[in-house]
Amino acid sequence: MGRSKDIASAFNATAVITSDSAVIPVTRGLYIGATGDVTVRMEAGNSVTFKAAPVGILPIQVDMVKLTGTTATNILALY
């Protein structure tokens, strides 16, 4: 697994298009612009839903932000 232990801040960000099949490069985290549920596939391969994720940064390494189960909007992938 490509688990990063680097604690440096993000150097890039890009808008996330939620999808149940599109794989993205593993993130340093996600910025949530409008609160809601966020369903992701973690870098380790398991899928989880963060219920009522608040506006701000989720420091999680993911390779997919799923359409099904995600109600949060304005999500950015942080790299």
Protein backbone atom coordinates (compact mmCIF):
# COMPACT_ATOMS: atom_id res chain seq x y z
CA MET A 1 0.00 0.00 0.00
CA GLY A 2 1.11 3.56 -0.67
CA ARG A 3 0.37 4.81 2.81
CA SER A 4 2.13 8.12 3.35
CA LYS A 5 3.57 9.11 6.69
CA ASP A 6 4.57 12.50 5.31
CA ILE A 7 3.04 15.25 7.44
CA ALA A 8 3.71 18.10 5.02
CA SER A 9 0.77 20.25 4.01
CA ALA A 10 -1.04 19.72 0.72
CA PHE A 11 0.72 21.02 -2.40
CA ASN A 12 -2.21 20.73 -4.82
CA ALA A 13 -6.00 20.48 -4.87
CA THR A 14 -8.53 19.48 -7.47
CA ALA A 15 -12.31 19.28 -7.57
CA VAL A 16 -13.72 15.82 -6.91
CA ILE A 17 -16.34 14.33 -9.20
CA THR A 18 -18.06 11.63 -7.17
CA SER A 19 -18.20 8.24 -8.88
CA ASP A 20 -18.77 4.62 -7.90
CA SER A 21 -16.08 3.47 -10.33
CA ALA A 22 -13.53 6.24 -11.01
CA VAL A 23 -10.27 5.80 -9.13
CA ILE A 24 -8.31 8.96 -8.26
CA PRO A 25 -4.71 9.32 -7.08
CA VAL A 26 -4.47 8.63 -3.34
CA THR A 27 -5.17 11.86 -1.46
CA ARG A 28 -3.58 13.50 1.56
CA GLY A 29 -7.08 14.52 2.57
CA LEU A 30 -10.38 15.94 1.41
CA TYR A 31 -11.73 19.44 1.82
CA ILE A 32 -15.50 19.39 2.38
CA GLY A 33 -17.13 22.63 1.21
CA ALA A 34 -20.72 21.90 2.26
CA THR A 35 -21.57 19.47 5.07
CA GLY A 36 -23.09 16.07 4.41
CA ASP A 37 -22.24 12.39 4.29
CA VAL A 38 -19.04 11.38 2.48
CA THR A 39 -18.65 7.79 1.29
CA VAL A 40 -15.12 6.89 0.25
CA ARG A 41 -12.87 3.97 -0.50
CA MET A 42 -9.91 4.22 1.83
CA GLU A 43 -6.41 3.63 0.45
CA ALA A 44 -6.40 0.24 2.22
CA GLY A 45 -9.44 -0.81 0.13
CA ASN A 46 -12.34 -0.67 2.58
CA SER A 47 -15.35 1.60 1.98
CA VAL A 48 -16.69 3.79 4.78
CA THR A 49 -19.20 6.60 5.19
CA PHE A 50 -18.35 9.67 7.26
CA LYS A 51 -21.78 10.76 8.48
CA ALA A 52 -22.48 14.50 8.60
CA ALA A 53 -18.89 15.43 7.73
CA PRO A 54 -18.40 19.07 8.70
CA VAL A 55 -17.06 21.79 6.44
CA GLY A 56 -13.28 21.62 6.55
CA ILE A 57 -10.51 19.11 6.05
CA LEU A 58 -10.83 15.35 6.50
CA PRO A 59 -7.24 14.07 6.84
CA ILE A 60 -7.89 10.76 5.08
CA GLN A 61 -6.11 8.88 2.30
CA VAL A 62 -8.66 7.75 -0.26
CA ASP A 63 -8.64 6.65 -3.89
CA MET A 64 -12.37 7.05 -4.53
CA VAL A 65 -15.14 9.39 -3.42
CA LYS A 66 -18.31 7.47 -4.13
CA LEU A 67 -21.44 8.90 -5.71
CA THR A 68 -23.67 6.49 -3.79
CA GLY A 69 -23.95 7.67 -0.21
CA THR A 70 -22.23 11.05 -0.65
CA THR A 71 -24.41 14.09 0.04
CA ALA A 72 -21.64 16.59 0.88
CA THR A 73 -20.74 18.96 -1.94
CA ASN A 74 -17.91 21.19 -3.09
CA ILE A 75 -15.35 18.48 -2.29
CA LEU A 76 -11.69 18.99 -3.14
CA ALA A 77 -9.03 16.29 -3.21
CA LEU A 78 -5.85 17.48 -1.47
CA TYR A 79 -2.46 16.23 -2.68
